[in-house]
Amino acid sequence: MIMPLHPGAEAIQNKGWLLAHKWLLARRFSQLAILILFMIGPGLGIWLVKGNLSSNLVLDTLPLTDPYVLLQSIFAGHTPETTAMIGAAIVLGFYLLVSGRVYCSWVCPVNMVTDLAHWLRERFNIKSASTISNNSRYWLLAITLLLAFTTGNVAWEMVNPVSMMHRGLIFGIGMAWTILLGVFLFDLLVSRRAWCSHLCPVGAFYSLLGTHSPLRIRADAREQCNDCMDCFLVCPEQQVIRPALKGADKGIGPVVTSANCTNCGRCIDVCSKDVFHFGLRFNNKPVHNKNIHNHTDHSTGAEVL
């Protein structure tokens, strides 16, 4: 099997560059638009949104509160205000519907930094033997809550790259550069997508919210898969793809059900066969097709995705 020069090359040939990047472009628009909404207040005096990603007020009416920050505050022994509780409930309801990890791929500004590190890592073929368990982020999540409980402060938010970058861009970057540079270099030199996919406790928290969210990636046309592996190469959470894509013979449906899927849509972009699309998690019954089978790369003896 001859691999393309880069993931998505065949999709670009078949669909055109724009359609092969539409969800990536939509994500970047979302991330930058959210930043701009926060920045035009201090910069231009147009206060559409007041506050930051942790807690803000939209149009002086709608409160929005990061439920993870609120949870840390509760563990620290603080009694939350009613407005904060309402804001957290609104945010919780939204991410319960669309999947919690949507925060990571469509909102979080650090995602742009780690995506750049990953792009450079692939472009310059940077390899490293370091591997980090996917469960590490859940241990860090527990540590941040324990830290809040023992110190009586929302201590993690003082060094949280997400909070530091957002506050820094709005009010002056300051020491946030040091933290962001560390995250960038860690992803670039130490391990593939180390921060967002293996360590970030924010992502761990939001993944728990997406356990049963109805909006999912579906591989309903998985019988058309040609084993190019482009979807696997671009996916920030590679372990989530295989069950839905190759699980028909094992009775597994075509829905990517893992809560760690970020719903970023890159698998949709780079697939030249249009195997993937956004849909609902319901009707996840496998349709057996004799043409669906795993292939083996006889040169290595390894099973191809």
C-alpha atoms as a PDB file:
ATOM      1  CA  MET A   1       0.000   0.000   0.000  1.00  0.00           C
ATOM      2  CA  ILE A   2       1.409   3.384  -1.032  1.00  0.00           C
ATOM      3  CA  MET A   3       0.757   6.078   1.551  1.00  0.00           C
ATOM      4  CA  PRO A   4      -0.068   9.636   0.372  1.00  0.00           C
ATOM      5  CA  LEU A   5       2.412  12.420   0.902  1.00  0.00           C
ATOM      6  CA  HIS A   6       0.341  13.702   3.796  1.00  0.00           C
ATOM      7  CA  PRO A   7      -2.988  12.817   5.394  1.00  0.00           C
ATOM      8  CA  GLY A   8      -5.853  14.145   3.314  1.00  0.00           C
ATOM      9  CA  ALA A   9      -3.957  14.405   0.015  1.00  0.00           C
ATOM     10  CA  GLU A  10      -6.434  12.113  -1.750  1.00  0.00           C
ATOM     11  CA  ALA A  11      -9.376  13.954  -0.184  1.00  0.00           C
ATOM     12  CA  ILE A  12      -8.016  17.237  -1.544  1.00  0.00           C
ATOM     13  CA  GLN A  13      -7.795  15.696  -5.012  1.00  0.00           C
ATOM     14  CA  ASN A  14     -11.333  14.326  -4.828  1.00  0.00           C
ATOM     15  CA  LYS A  15     -13.156  17.093  -2.941  1.00  0.00           C
ATOM     16  CA  GLY A  16     -10.979  20.149  -3.331  1.00  0.00           C
ATOM     17  CA  TRP A  17      -8.904  21.899  -0.674  1.00  0.00           C
ATOM     18  CA  LEU A  18     -11.795  23.792   0.904  1.00  0.00           C
ATOM     19  CA  LEU A  19     -14.046  20.778   1.471  1.00  0.00           C
ATOM     20  CA  ALA A  20     -11.070  18.762   2.697  1.00  0.00           C
ATOM     21  CA  HIS A  21     -10.493  21.387   5.413  1.00  0.00           C
ATOM     22  CA  LYS A  22     -14.000  22.671   6.120  1.00  0.00           C
ATOM     23  CA  TRP A  23     -14.260  21.420   9.708  1.00  0.00           C
ATOM     24  CA  LEU A  24     -10.719  22.511  10.514  1.00  0.00           C
ATOM     25  CA  LEU A  25     -11.498  25.981   9.185  1.00  0.00           C
ATOM     26  CA  ALA A  26     -14.777  26.055  11.125  1.00  0.00           C
ATOM     27  CA  ARG A  27     -12.921  25.182  14.328  1.00  0.00           C
ATOM     28  CA  ARG A  28     -10.334  27.888  13.813  1.00  0.00           C
ATOM     29  CA  PHE A  29     -13.083  30.411  13.126  1.00  0.00           C
ATOM     30  CA  SER A  30     -14.842  29.362  16.337  1.00  0.00           C
ATOM     31  CA  GLN A  31     -11.690  29.544  18.471  1.00  0.00           C
ATOM     32  CA  LEU A  32     -10.598  32.918  17.071  1.00  0.00           C
ATOM     33  CA  ALA A  33     -14.116  34.388  17.184  1.00  0.00           C
ATOM     34  CA  ILE A  34     -14.425  33.498  20.869  1.00  0.00           C
ATOM     35  CA  LEU A  35     -11.078  35.143  21.595  1.00  0.00           C
ATOM     36  CA  ILE A  36     -12.067  38.269  19.668  1.00  0.00           C
ATOM     37  CA  LEU A  37     -15.366  38.544  21.552  1.00  0.00           C
ATOM     38  CA  PHE A  38     -13.435  38.665  24.811  1.00  0.00           C
ATOM     39  CA  MET A  39     -10.688  40.964  23.517  1.00  0.00           C
ATOM     40  CA  ILE A  40     -12.778  43.717  21.917  1.00  0.00           C
ATOM     41  CA  GLY A  41     -14.053  44.731  25.356  1.00  0.00           C
ATOM     42  CA  PRO A  42     -10.710  45.768  26.867  1.00  0.00           C
ATOM     43  CA  GLY A  43      -9.350  46.773  23.451  1.00  0.00           C
ATOM     44  CA  LEU A  44     -12.217  48.724  21.900  1.00  0.00           C
ATOM     45  CA  GLY A  45     -14.643  49.225  24.750  1.00  0.00           C
ATOM     46  CA  ILE A  46     -17.289  47.044  23.083  1.00  0.00           C
ATOM     47  CA  TRP A  47     -18.350  44.786  25.918  1.00  0.00           C
ATOM     48  CA  LEU A  48     -20.259  41.970  24.245  1.00  0.00           C
ATOM     49  CA  VAL A  49     -18.716  39.561  26.734  1.00  0.00           C
ATOM     50  CA  LYS A  50     -17.302  40.476  30.128  1.00  0.00           C
ATOM     51  CA  GLY A  51     -14.919  38.198  31.996  1.00  0.00           C
ATOM     52  CA  ASN A  52     -12.963  35.212  30.718  1.00  0.00           C
ATOM     53  CA  LEU A  53     -13.447  31.532  29.916  1.00  0.00           C
ATOM     54  CA  SER A  54     -13.747  30.696  33.608  1.00  0.00           C
ATOM     55  CA  SER A  55     -16.679  33.008  34.221  1.00  0.00           C
ATOM     56  CA  ASN A  56     -18.305  35.609  32.009  1.00  0.00           C
ATOM     57  CA  LEU A  57     -21.459  37.550  31.268  1.00  0.00           C
ATOM     58  CA  VAL A  58     -22.792  37.743  27.714  1.00  0.00           C
ATOM     59  CA  LEU A  59     -24.577  40.967  26.734  1.00  0.00           C
ATOM     60  CA  ASP A  60     -24.897  41.820  30.429  1.00  0.00           C
ATOM     61  CA  THR A  61     -27.574  39.140  30.645  1.00  0.00           C
ATOM     62  CA  LEU A  62     -26.446  35.544  30.153  1.00  0.00           C
ATOM     63  CA  PRO A  63     -24.043  34.159  32.779  1.00  0.00           C
ATOM     64  CA  LEU A  64     -21.649  31.396  31.739  1.00  0.00           C
ATOM     65  CA  THR A  65     -19.410  29.592  34.211  1.00  0.00           C
ATOM     66  CA  ASP A  66     -16.830  26.887  33.620  1.00  0.00           C
ATOM     67  CA  PRO A  67     -18.213  23.953  35.641  1.00  0.00           C
ATOM     68  CA  TYR A  68     -14.708  22.588  36.196  1.00  0.00           C
ATOM     69  CA  VAL A  69     -13.584  25.843  37.811  1.00  0.00           C
ATOM     70  CA  LEU A  70     -16.793  25.923  39.860  1.00  0.00           C
ATOM     71  CA  LEU A  71     -16.153  22.354  41.026  1.00  0.00           C
ATOM     72  CA  GLN A  72     -12.647  23.312  42.134  1.00  0.00           C
ATOM     73  CA  SER A  73     -14.105  26.272  44.003  1.00  0.00           C
ATOM     74  CA  ILE A  74     -16.568  24.009  45.821  1.00  0.00           C
ATOM     75  CA  PHE A  75     -13.748  21.599  46.748  1.00  0.00           C
ATOM     76  CA  ALA A  76     -11.840  24.604  48.078  1.00  0.00           C
ATOM     77  CA  GLY A  77     -14.703  25.252  50.486  1.00  0.00           C
ATOM     78  CA  HIS A  78     -16.211  28.271  48.753  1.00  0.00           C
ATOM     79  CA  THR A  79     -19.971  28.678  48.529  1.00  0.00           C
ATOM     80  CA  PRO A  80     -20.831  29.509  44.914  1.00  0.00           C
ATOM     81  CA  GLU A  81     -23.151  32.383  44.098  1.00  0.00           C
ATOM     82  CA  THR A  82     -26.478  31.687  42.434  1.00  0.00           C
ATOM     83  CA  THR A  83     -25.334  33.369  39.218  1.00  0.00           C
ATOM     84  CA  ALA A  84     -22.310  31.075  39.040  1.00  0.00           C
ATOM     85  CA  MET A  85     -24.513  28.014  39.566  1.00  0.00           C
ATOM     86  CA  ILE A  86     -26.879  29.117  36.807  1.00  0.00           C
ATOM     87  CA  GLY A  87     -23.965  29.790  34.458  1.00  0.00           C
ATOM     88  CA  ALA A  88     -22.450  26.383  35.166  1.00  0.00           C
ATOM     89  CA  ALA A  89     -25.802  24.664  34.587  1.00  0.00           C
ATOM     90  CA  ILE A  90     -26.114  26.334  31.163  1.00  0.00           C
ATOM     91  CA  VAL A  91     -22.602  25.270  30.153  1.00  0.00           C
ATOM     92  CA  LEU A  92     -23.131  21.744  31.499  1.00  0.00           C
ATOM     93  CA  GLY A  93     -26.355  21.360  29.544  1.00  0.00           C
ATOM     94  CA  PHE A  94     -24.676  22.499  26.336  1.00  0.00           C
ATOM     95  CA  TYR A  95     -21.731  20.108  26.586  1.00  0.00           C
ATOM     96  CA  LEU A  96     -23.908  17.210  27.698  1.00  0.00           C
ATOM     97  CA  LEU A  97     -25.668  17.572  24.341  1.00  0.00           C
ATOM     98  CA  VAL A  98     -22.757  18.217  21.972  1.00  0.00           C
ATOM     99  CA  SER A  99     -20.013  16.235  23.784  1.00  0.00           C
ATOM    100  CA  GLY A 100     -17.722  17.687  26.399  1.00  0.00           C
ATOM    101  CA  ARG A 101     -14.545  17.404  24.352  1.00  0.00           C
ATOM    102  CA  VAL A 102     -16.029  19.893  21.876  1.00  0.00           C
ATOM    103  CA  TYR A 103     -14.632  22.408  24.354  1.00  0.00           C
ATOM    104  CA  CYS A 104     -11.133  21.133  23.541  1.00  0.00           C
ATOM    105  CA  SER A 105     -11.395  21.310  19.757  1.00  0.00           C
ATOM    106  CA  TRP A 106     -13.784  24.239  19.208  1.00  0.00           C
ATOM    107  CA  VAL A 107     -13.221  26.597  22.165  1.00  0.00           C
ATOM    108  CA  CYS A 108      -9.876  26.054  23.903  1.00  0.00           C
ATOM    109  CA  PRO A 109      -7.197  28.472  22.587  1.00  0.00           C
ATOM    110  CA  VAL A 110      -4.362  26.144  23.663  1.00  0.00           C
ATOM    111  CA  ASN A 111      -5.585  23.674  21.046  1.00  0.00           C
ATOM    112  CA  MET A 112      -4.214  25.971  18.352  1.00  0.00           C
ATOM    113  CA  VAL A 113      -0.789  25.867  20.019  1.00  0.00           C
ATOM    114  CA  THR A 114      -0.730  22.081  20.339  1.00  0.00           C
ATOM    115  CA  ASP A 115      -2.059  21.621  16.802  1.00  0.00           C
ATOM    116  CA  LEU A 116       0.827  23.751  15.538  1.00  0.00           C
ATOM    117  CA  ALA A 117       3.280  21.614  17.500  1.00  0.00           C
ATOM    118  CA  HIS A 118       1.751  18.467  16.004  1.00  0.00           C
ATOM    119  CA  TRP A 119       1.901  19.909  12.474  1.00  0.00           C
ATOM    120  CA  LEU A 120       5.590  20.778  12.884  1.00  0.00           C
ATOM    121  CA  ARG A 121       6.278  17.385  14.453  1.00  0.00           C
ATOM    122  CA  GLU A 122       4.806  15.624  11.417  1.00  0.00           C
ATOM    123  CA  ARG A 123       6.338  17.998   8.893  1.00  0.00           C
ATOM    124  CA  PHE A 124       9.873  17.511  10.240  1.00  0.00           C
ATOM    125  CA  ASN A 125       9.291  13.848  11.101  1.00  0.00           C
ATOM    126  CA  ILE A 126      10.183  14.307  14.762  1.00  0.00           C
ATOM    127  CA  LYS A 127      10.046  10.971  16.550  1.00  0.00           C
ATOM    128  CA  SER A 128      10.271  10.177  20.233  1.00  0.00           C
ATOM    129  CA  ALA A 129       9.980   7.003  22.238  1.00  0.00           C
ATOM    130  CA  SER A 130       8.084   8.591  25.129  1.00  0.00           C
ATOM    131  CA  THR A 131       4.573   7.341  25.707  1.00  0.00           C
ATOM    132  CA  ILE A 132       2.083   8.674  28.224  1.00  0.00           C
ATOM    133  CA  SER A 133      -0.958   6.782  29.443  1.00  0.00           C
ATOM    134  CA  ASN A 134      -4.319   8.197  28.394  1.00  0.00           C
ATOM    135  CA  ASN A 135      -5.413   7.771  32.011  1.00  0.00           C
ATOM    136  CA  SER A 136      -2.798  10.246  33.230  1.00  0.00           C
ATOM    137  CA  ARG A 137      -5.202  13.132  32.639  1.00  0.00           C
ATOM    138  CA  TYR A 138      -7.755  11.608  35.005  1.00  0.00           C
ATOM    139  CA  TRP A 139      -5.125  11.291  37.712  1.00  0.00           C
ATOM    140  CA  LEU A 140      -4.220  14.947  37.169  1.00  0.00           C
ATOM    141  CA  LEU A 141      -7.900  15.863  37.328  1.00  0.00           C
ATOM    142  CA  ALA A 142      -8.151  14.159  40.714  1.00  0.00           C
ATOM    143  CA  ILE A 143      -4.967  15.922  41.872  1.00  0.00           C
ATOM    144  CA  THR A 144      -6.333  19.366  40.942  1.00  0.00           C
ATOM    145  CA  LEU A 145      -9.465  18.734  43.008  1.00  0.00           C
ATOM    146  CA  LEU A 146      -7.395  17.385  45.890  1.00  0.00           C
ATOM    147  CA  LEU A 147      -5.152  20.443  45.646  1.00  0.00           C
ATOM    148  CA  ALA A 148      -8.180  22.735  45.889  1.00  0.00           C
ATOM    149  CA  PHE A 149      -9.475  20.782  48.890  1.00  0.00           C
ATOM    150  CA  THR A 150      -6.186  20.856  50.797  1.00  0.00           C
ATOM    151  CA  THR A 151      -5.193  24.454  50.024  1.00  0.00           C
ATOM    152  CA  GLY A 152      -8.601  26.109  50.157  1.00  0.00           C
ATOM    153  CA  ASN A 153      -7.830  27.812  46.830  1.00  0.00           C
ATOM    154  CA  VAL A 154      -8.478  27.167  43.165  1.00  0.00           C
ATOM    155  CA  ALA A 155      -4.736  26.610  42.897  1.00  0.00           C
ATOM    156  CA  TRP A 156      -4.672  24.836  39.536  1.00  0.00           C
ATOM    157  CA  GLU A 157      -6.084  27.870  37.736  1.00  0.00           C
ATOM    158  CA  MET A 158      -2.923  29.782  38.588  1.00  0.00           C
ATOM    159  CA  VAL A 159      -0.921  27.570  36.212  1.00  0.00           C
ATOM    160  CA  ASN A 160      -3.634  26.133  33.964  1.00  0.00           C
ATOM    161  CA  PRO A 161      -2.358  26.798  30.390  1.00  0.00           C
ATOM    162  CA  VAL A 162      -5.917  27.370  29.160  1.00  0.00           C
ATOM    163  CA  SER A 163      -6.708  30.011  31.773  1.00  0.00           C
ATOM    164  CA  MET A 164      -3.263  31.604  31.550  1.00  0.00           C
ATOM    165  CA  MET A 165      -3.355  31.926  27.768  1.00  0.00           C
ATOM    166  CA  HIS A 166      -6.868  33.357  27.774  1.00  0.00           C
ATOM    167  CA  ARG A 167      -6.145  35.859  30.538  1.00  0.00           C
ATOM    168  CA  GLY A 168      -2.804  36.691  28.961  1.00  0.00           C
ATOM    169  CA  LEU A 169      -4.239  37.480  25.531  1.00  0.00           C
ATOM    170  CA  ILE A 170      -6.891  39.721  27.064  1.00  0.00           C
ATOM    171  CA  PHE A 171      -4.940  41.444  29.836  1.00  0.00           C
ATOM    172  CA  GLY A 172      -1.298  40.960  28.812  1.00  0.00           C
ATOM    173  CA  ILE A 173       0.502  37.706  28.196  1.00  0.00           C
ATOM    174  CA  GLY A 174       3.108  37.978  31.010  1.00  0.00           C
ATOM    175  CA  MET A 175       4.330  34.643  32.370  1.00  0.00           C
ATOM    176  CA  ALA A 176       1.776  32.793  30.256  1.00  0.00           C
ATOM    177  CA  TRP A 177       4.443  32.683  27.539  1.00  0.00           C
ATOM    178  CA  THR A 178       6.542  30.368  29.726  1.00  0.00           C
ATOM    179  CA  ILE A 179       3.716  27.900  30.319  1.00  0.00           C
ATOM    180  CA  LEU A 180       2.597  27.926  26.680  1.00  0.00           C
ATOM    181  CA  LEU A 181       6.148  27.489  25.413  1.00  0.00           C
ATOM    182  CA  GLY A 182       6.543  24.521  27.735  1.00  0.00           C
ATOM    183  CA  VAL A 183       3.344  22.913  26.416  1.00  0.00           C
ATOM    184  CA  PHE A 184       4.407  23.599  22.817  1.00  0.00           C
ATOM    185  CA  LEU A 185       7.890  22.104  23.242  1.00  0.00           C
ATOM    186  CA  PHE A 186       6.513  19.136  25.184  1.00  0.00           C
ATOM    187  CA  ASP A 187       4.124  18.288  22.340  1.00  0.00           C
ATOM    188  CA  LEU A 188       6.771  18.964  19.702  1.00  0.00           C
ATOM    189  CA  LEU A 189       9.713  17.058  21.177  1.00  0.00           C
ATOM    190  CA  VAL A 190       8.544  14.653  23.866  1.00  0.00           C
ATOM    191  CA  SER A 191       5.341  12.889  22.864  1.00  0.00           C
ATOM    192  CA  ARG A 192       2.637  13.072  20.193  1.00  0.00           C
ATOM    193  CA  ARG A 193      -0.233  15.319  21.348  1.00  0.00           C
ATOM    194  CA  ALA A 194       1.057  14.907  24.886  1.00  0.00           C
ATOM    195  CA  TRP A 195      -0.856  17.708  26.554  1.00  0.00           C
ATOM    196  CA  CYS A 196      -4.356  17.676  25.062  1.00  0.00           C
ATOM    197  CA  SER A 197      -4.681  13.914  24.615  1.00  0.00           C
ATOM    198  CA  HIS A 198      -2.822  12.607  27.651  1.00  0.00           C
ATOM    199  CA  LEU A 199      -2.329  15.162  30.413  1.00  0.00           C
ATOM    200  CA  CYS A 200      -4.801  18.052  30.385  1.00  0.00           C
ATOM    201  CA  PRO A 201      -7.210  17.736  33.349  1.00  0.00           C
ATOM    202  CA  VAL A 202      -9.599  20.183  31.668  1.00  0.00           C
ATOM    203  CA  GLY A 203     -10.014  17.740  28.793  1.00  0.00           C
ATOM    204  CA  ALA A 204     -10.421  14.895  31.286  1.00  0.00           C
ATOM    205  CA  PHE A 205     -13.244  16.744  33.034  1.00  0.00           C
ATOM    206  CA  TYR A 206     -15.057  17.576  29.813  1.00  0.00           C
ATOM    207  CA  SER A 207     -14.674  14.034  28.503  1.00  0.00           C
ATOM    208  CA  LEU A 208     -16.717  12.860  31.491  1.00  0.00           C
ATOM    209  CA  LEU A 209     -19.512  15.198  30.399  1.00  0.00           C
ATOM    210  CA  GLY A 210     -19.558  13.655  26.927  1.00  0.00           C
ATOM    211  CA  THR A 211     -20.037  10.055  27.991  1.00  0.00           C
ATOM    212  CA  HIS A 212     -23.636   9.936  26.736  1.00  0.00           C
ATOM    213  CA  SER A 213     -23.865  13.016  24.515  1.00  0.00           C
ATOM    214  CA  PRO A 214     -26.106  12.500  21.460  1.00  0.00           C
ATOM    215  CA  LEU A 215     -23.936  14.364  18.924  1.00  0.00           C
ATOM    216  CA  ARG A 216     -21.306  11.959  17.619  1.00  0.00           C
ATOM    217  CA  ILE A 217     -19.104  11.138  14.647  1.00  0.00           C
ATOM    218  CA  ARG A 218     -20.555   8.254  12.650  1.00  0.00           C
ATOM    219  CA  ALA A 219     -18.844   5.917  10.161  1.00  0.00           C
ATOM    220  CA  ASP A 220     -22.014   4.738   8.422  1.00  0.00           C
ATOM    221  CA  ALA A 221     -20.182   4.288   5.105  1.00  0.00           C
ATOM    222  CA  ARG A 222     -17.384   2.237   6.665  1.00  0.00           C
ATOM    223  CA  GLU A 223     -17.680  -0.434   3.985  1.00  0.00           C
ATOM    224  CA  GLN A 224     -16.144   2.143   1.616  1.00  0.00           C
ATOM    225  CA  CYS A 225     -12.976   2.440   3.735  1.00  0.00           C
ATOM    226  CA  ASN A 226      -9.839   1.820   1.669  1.00  0.00           C
ATOM    227  CA  ASP A 227      -7.473   1.548   4.674  1.00  0.00           C
ATOM    228  CA  CYS A 228      -5.573   4.722   3.784  1.00  0.00           C
ATOM    229  CA  MET A 229      -5.269   5.469   7.540  1.00  0.00           C
ATOM    230  CA  ASP A 230      -5.604   9.220   7.021  1.00  0.00           C
ATOM    231  CA  CYS A 231      -8.321   9.466   9.666  1.00  0.00           C
ATOM    232  CA  PHE A 232      -6.123   7.647  12.161  1.00  0.00           C
ATOM    233  CA  LEU A 233      -3.126   9.873  11.434  1.00  0.00           C
ATOM    234  CA  VAL A 234      -4.999  13.149  11.983  1.00  0.00           C
ATOM    235  CA  CYS A 235      -7.131  12.051  14.935  1.00  0.00           C
ATOM    236  CA  PRO A 236      -6.001  13.585  18.253  1.00  0.00           C
ATOM    237  CA  GLU A 237      -7.514  10.583  20.073  1.00  0.00           C
ATOM    238  CA  GLN A 238      -6.556   7.719  17.762  1.00  0.00           C
ATOM    239  CA  GLN A 239      -7.944   4.997  20.013  1.00  0.00           C
ATOM    240  CA  VAL A 240     -11.540   6.134  19.437  1.00  0.00           C
ATOM    241  CA  ILE A 241     -11.716   5.416  15.685  1.00  0.00           C
ATOM    242  CA  ARG A 242     -11.105   1.705  15.247  1.00  0.00           C
ATOM    243  CA  PRO A 243     -14.197   0.264  17.029  1.00  0.00           C
ATOM    244  CA  ALA A 244     -16.632   2.245  14.864  1.00  0.00           C
ATOM    245  CA  LEU A 245     -14.633   1.886  11.651  1.00  0.00           C
ATOM    246  CA  LYS A 246     -13.639  -1.781  11.854  1.00  0.00           C
ATOM    247  CA  GLY A 247     -16.014  -3.305  14.372  1.00  0.00           C
ATOM    248  CA  ALA A 248     -18.823  -4.541  12.114  1.00  0.00           C
ATOM    249  CA  ASP A 249     -17.704  -8.195  12.245  1.00  0.00           C
ATOM    250  CA  LYS A 250     -17.546  -7.932  16.044  1.00  0.00           C
ATOM    251  CA  GLY A 251     -21.062  -6.563  16.356  1.00  0.00           C
ATOM    252  CA  ILE A 252     -19.937  -2.981  17.008  1.00  0.00           C
ATOM    253  CA  GLY A 253     -22.007  -0.188  15.492  1.00  0.00           C
ATOM    254  CA  PRO A 254     -20.677   2.674  13.330  1.00  0.00           C
ATOM    255  CA  VAL A 255     -20.912   5.399  15.993  1.00  0.00           C
ATOM    256  CA  VAL A 256     -17.736   6.718  17.632  1.00  0.00           C
ATOM    257  CA  THR A 257     -19.046   6.405  21.176  1.00  0.00           C
ATOM    258  CA  SER A 258     -15.877   7.184  23.140  1.00  0.00           C
ATOM    259  CA  ALA A 259     -16.219  10.229  25.371  1.00  0.00           C
ATOM    260  CA  ASN A 260     -12.638  11.163  24.430  1.00  0.00           C
ATOM    261  CA  CYS A 261     -13.606  11.903  20.820  1.00  0.00           C
ATOM    262  CA  THR A 262     -13.292  15.670  20.425  1.00  0.00           C
ATOM    263  CA  ASN A 263     -15.811  15.924  17.569  1.00  0.00           C
ATOM    264  CA  CYS A 264     -13.202  17.943  15.717  1.00  0.00           C
ATOM    265  CA  GLY A 265     -14.341  16.642  12.323  1.00  0.00           C
ATOM    266  CA  ARG A 266     -10.853  16.088  10.898  1.00  0.00           C
ATOM    267  CA  CYS A 267     -11.645  12.467  10.077  1.00  0.00           C
ATOM    268  CA  ILE A 268     -14.526  13.780   7.947  1.00  0.00           C
ATOM    269  CA  ASP A 269     -12.243  16.278   6.218  1.00  0.00           C
ATOM    270  CA  VAL A 270      -9.438  13.901   5.246  1.00  0.00           C
ATOM    271  CA  CYS A 271     -11.538  10.907   4.197  1.00  0.00           C
ATOM    272  CA  SER A 272     -11.662  10.714   0.419  1.00  0.00           C
ATOM    273  CA  LYS A 273     -14.435   8.079   0.595  1.00  0.00           C
ATOM    274  CA  ASP A 274     -16.771  10.134   2.823  1.00  0.00           C
ATOM    275  CA  VAL A 275     -16.930   7.374   5.410  1.00  0.00           C
ATOM    276  CA  PHE A 276     -17.562   9.742   8.331  1.00  0.00           C
ATOM    277  CA  HIS A 277     -20.159  12.375   9.119  1.00  0.00           C
ATOM    278  CA  PHE A 278     -21.711  14.106  12.111  1.00  0.00           C
ATOM    279  CA  GLY A 279     -24.860  12.472  13.398  1.00  0.00           C
ATOM    280  CA  LEU A 280     -26.608  11.149  16.488  1.00  0.00           C
ATOM    281  CA  ARG A 281     -25.494   8.235  18.638  1.00  0.00           C
ATOM    282  CA  PHE A 282     -28.868   6.500  18.261  1.00  0.00           C
ATOM    283  CA  ASN A 283     -29.486   3.666  15.775  1.00  0.00           C
ATOM    284  CA  ASN A 284     -26.038   2.219  16.369  1.00  0.00           C
ATOM    285  CA  LYS A 285     -26.758  -1.288  15.135  1.00  0.00           C
ATOM    286  CA  PRO A 286     -24.064  -2.893  12.969  1.00  0.00           C
ATOM    287  CA  VAL A 287     -24.920  -3.889   9.417  1.00  0.00           C
ATOM    288  CA  HIS A 288     -22.862  -6.939   8.516  1.00  0.00           C
ATOM    289  CA  ASN A 289     -21.149  -6.692   5.169  1.00  0.00           C
ATOM    290  CA  LYS A 290     -18.969  -9.474   3.832  1.00  0.00           C
ATOM    291  CA  ASN A 291     -16.775  -6.889   2.146  1.00  0.00           C
ATOM    292  CA  ILE A 292     -15.772  -5.447   5.513  1.00  0.00           C
ATOM    293  CA  HIS A 293     -12.629  -7.110   6.735  1.00  0.00           C
ATOM    294  CA  ASN A 294      -9.281  -6.193   8.153  1.00  0.00           C
ATOM    295  CA  HIS A 295      -6.290  -6.311   5.865  1.00  0.00           C
ATOM    296  CA  THR A 296      -2.776  -7.333   6.732  1.00  0.00           C
ATOM    297  CA  ASP A 297       0.353  -5.630   5.573  1.00  0.00           C
ATOM    298  CA  HIS A 298       2.349  -8.701   4.560  1.00  0.00           C
ATOM    299  CA  SER A 299       5.598  -6.774   4.577  1.00  0.00           C
ATOM    300  CA  THR A 300       5.321  -6.279   8.334  1.00  0.00           C
ATOM    301  CA  GLY A 301       2.680  -8.790   9.329  1.00  0.00           C
ATOM    302  CA  ALA A 302       0.815  -5.944  11.036  1.00  0.00           C
ATOM    303  CA  GLU A 303      -2.880  -5.510  10.795  1.00  0.00           C
ATOM    304  CA  VAL A 304      -3.842  -2.327   8.949  1.00  0.00           C
ATOM    305  CA  LEU A 305      -6.579  -0.172  10.453  1.00  0.00           C
END
